[in-house]
N, C-alpha and C. Protein backbone atom coordinates (compact mmCIF):
# COMPACT_ATOMS: atom_id res chain seq x y z
N MET A 1 0.82 -1.17 -0.09
CA MET A 1 0.00 -0.04 -0.06
C MET A 1 0.94 1.20 -0.01
N ILE A 2 0.50 2.27 -0.79
CA ILE A 2 1.21 3.51 -0.77
C ILE A 2 0.96 4.26 0.44
N SER A 3 2.08 4.86 0.89
CA SER A 3 1.96 5.65 2.13
C SER A 3 1.30 7.05 1.87
N PRO A 4 0.68 7.60 2.91
CA PRO A 4 -0.11 8.83 2.74
C PRO A 4 0.96 10.02 2.38
N GLU A 5 2.25 9.82 2.84
CA GLU A 5 3.24 10.85 2.51
C GLU A 5 3.53 10.85 0.93
N VAL A 6 3.56 9.62 0.38
CA VAL A 6 3.79 9.66 -1.15
C VAL A 6 2.58 10.18 -1.85
N VAL A 7 1.37 9.89 -1.42
CA VAL A 7 0.22 10.42 -2.08
C VAL A 7 0.14 11.98 -1.85
N ALA A 8 0.52 12.56 -0.79
CA ALA A 8 0.49 13.97 -0.47
C ALA A 8 1.49 14.63 -1.39
N ALA A 9 2.73 14.01 -1.48
CA ALA A 9 3.74 14.61 -2.33
C ALA A 9 3.36 14.56 -3.67
N LEU A 10 2.77 13.55 -4.28
CA LEU A 10 2.34 13.62 -5.64
C LEU A 10 1.20 14.65 -5.96
N GLU A 11 0.32 14.65 -4.90
CA GLU A 11 -0.79 15.71 -5.05
C GLU A 11 -0.29 17.06 -5.08
N LEU A 12 0.79 17.42 -4.23
CA LEU A 12 1.41 18.66 -4.20
C LEU A 12 2.06 19.02 -5.49
N ARG A 13 2.76 18.01 -6.05
CA ARG A 13 3.47 18.22 -7.38
C ARG A 13 2.44 18.54 -8.49
N ILE A 14 1.29 17.79 -8.38
CA ILE A 14 0.21 18.01 -9.44
C ILE A 14 -0.33 19.42 -9.28
N ARG A 15 -0.46 19.88 -7.98
CA ARG A 15 -0.98 21.19 -7.89
C ARG A 15 0.04 22.27 -8.45
N GLU A 16 1.26 22.02 -7.98
CA GLU A 16 2.43 23.06 -8.51
C GLU A 16 2.41 23.00 -10.14
N GLU A 17 2.43 21.82 -10.71
CA GLU A 17 2.43 21.77 -12.17
C GLU A 17 1.23 22.37 -12.78
N GLU A 18 0.11 22.25 -12.20
CA GLU A 18 -1.14 22.86 -12.69
C GLU A 18 -1.04 24.32 -12.70
N MET A 19 -0.37 24.85 -11.59
CA MET A 19 -0.14 26.38 -11.57
C MET A 19 0.81 26.82 -12.63
N LYS A 20 1.87 26.04 -12.96
CA LYS A 20 2.80 26.39 -13.93
C LYS A 20 2.03 26.37 -15.32
N ARG A 21 1.26 25.32 -15.53
CA ARG A 21 0.46 25.09 -16.85
C ARG A 21 -0.39 26.33 -17.05
N ASP A 22 -1.13 26.65 -15.96
CA ASP A 22 -2.12 27.80 -16.12
C ASP A 22 -1.33 29.21 -16.42
N ALA A 23 -0.10 29.26 -15.85
CA ALA A 23 0.63 30.51 -16.06
C ALA A 23 1.15 30.49 -17.56
N TRP A 24 1.47 29.35 -18.04
CA TRP A 24 2.12 29.29 -19.40
C TRP A 24 0.84 29.50 -20.32
N ARG A 25 -0.25 29.03 -19.98
CA ARG A 25 -1.45 29.12 -20.78
C ARG A 25 -1.78 30.64 -21.01
N ILE A 26 -1.60 31.45 -19.95
CA ILE A 26 -1.97 32.84 -20.04
C ILE A 26 -0.90 33.74 -20.78
N SER A 27 0.44 33.47 -20.45
CA SER A 27 1.37 34.37 -20.88
C SER A 27 2.56 33.73 -21.71
N GLY A 28 2.47 32.43 -21.93
CA GLY A 28 3.63 31.75 -22.50
C GLY A 28 3.47 31.38 -23.89
N PRO A 29 4.54 30.75 -24.47
CA PRO A 29 4.46 30.15 -25.69
C PRO A 29 3.62 28.81 -25.68
N GLN A 30 2.98 28.37 -26.69
CA GLN A 30 2.19 27.20 -26.60
C GLN A 30 3.00 25.96 -26.41
N GLU A 31 4.17 25.92 -26.81
CA GLU A 31 5.14 24.81 -26.52
C GLU A 31 5.25 24.53 -25.05
N LYS A 32 5.44 25.56 -24.31
CA LYS A 32 5.68 25.38 -22.83
C LYS A 32 4.37 24.92 -22.15
N TYR A 33 3.28 25.57 -22.62
CA TYR A 33 1.97 25.15 -22.15
C TYR A 33 1.69 23.71 -22.31
N LEU A 34 1.90 23.20 -23.50
CA LEU A 34 1.79 21.73 -23.87
C LEU A 34 2.65 20.92 -23.08
N GLU A 35 3.95 21.25 -22.83
CA GLU A 35 4.87 20.54 -21.92
C GLU A 35 4.23 20.40 -20.56
N ALA A 36 3.77 21.55 -20.04
CA ALA A 36 3.22 21.56 -18.68
C ALA A 36 1.92 20.62 -18.62
N CYS A 37 1.08 20.61 -19.64
CA CYS A 37 -0.06 19.79 -19.72
C CYS A 37 0.40 18.39 -19.62
N SER A 38 1.39 17.96 -20.41
CA SER A 38 1.90 16.61 -20.39
C SER A 38 2.37 16.21 -19.03
N MET A 39 3.10 17.10 -18.33
CA MET A 39 3.60 16.94 -17.00
C MET A 39 2.48 16.63 -16.04
N VAL A 40 1.41 17.38 -16.02
CA VAL A 40 0.27 17.18 -15.15
C VAL A 40 -0.30 15.82 -15.41
N ASP A 41 -0.51 15.53 -16.69
CA ASP A 41 -1.13 14.25 -17.02
C ASP A 41 -0.20 13.09 -16.68
N ALA A 42 1.15 13.11 -16.71
CA ALA A 42 2.00 12.10 -16.33
C ALA A 42 1.96 11.94 -14.75
N LEU A 43 1.89 13.04 -14.02
CA LEU A 43 1.85 12.89 -12.57
C LEU A 43 0.50 12.24 -12.08
N GLU A 44 -0.63 12.80 -12.71
CA GLU A 44 -1.95 12.15 -12.48
C GLU A 44 -1.86 10.63 -12.74
N CYS A 45 -1.42 10.24 -13.76
CA CYS A 45 -1.32 8.78 -14.18
C CYS A 45 -0.46 7.97 -13.18
N GLN A 46 0.66 8.69 -12.66
CA GLN A 46 1.57 8.13 -11.68
C GLN A 46 0.87 7.87 -10.28
N LEU A 47 -0.05 8.90 -9.94
CA LEU A 47 -0.78 8.90 -8.67
C LEU A 47 -1.78 7.70 -8.77
N GLU A 48 -2.56 7.67 -9.90
CA GLU A 48 -3.53 6.62 -10.11
C GLU A 48 -2.93 5.32 -10.08
N SER A 49 -1.73 5.10 -10.64
CA SER A 49 -1.19 3.86 -10.69
C SER A 49 -0.76 3.40 -9.33
N GLN A 50 -0.20 4.36 -8.47
CA GLN A 50 0.29 4.01 -7.11
C GLN A 50 -0.93 3.81 -6.26
N LEU A 51 -2.05 4.34 -6.55
CA LEU A 51 -3.25 4.08 -5.61
C LEU A 51 -3.82 2.71 -5.93
N ARG A 52 -3.70 2.14 -7.30
CA ARG A 52 -4.17 0.96 -7.53
C ARG A 52 -3.38 -0.14 -6.98
N GLU A 53 -2.10 0.02 -6.74
CA GLU A 53 -1.34 -1.06 -6.34
C GLU A 53 -1.81 -1.60 -4.90
N PRO A 54 -1.66 -2.99 -4.65
CA PRO A 54 -2.14 -3.46 -3.41
C PRO A 54 -1.22 -3.09 -2.28
């Protein structure tokens, strides 16, 4: 089972990357925004994967 600390750390990273993504969306080049979107997706998949493990 995944520890609560690992879940909290992943959730924090997701929130941080979402903020970066939103900032790039408003003021940055599209390439940076798309990179940030990919990072958020990857972190969310990682969290889901960790939560599914027994």
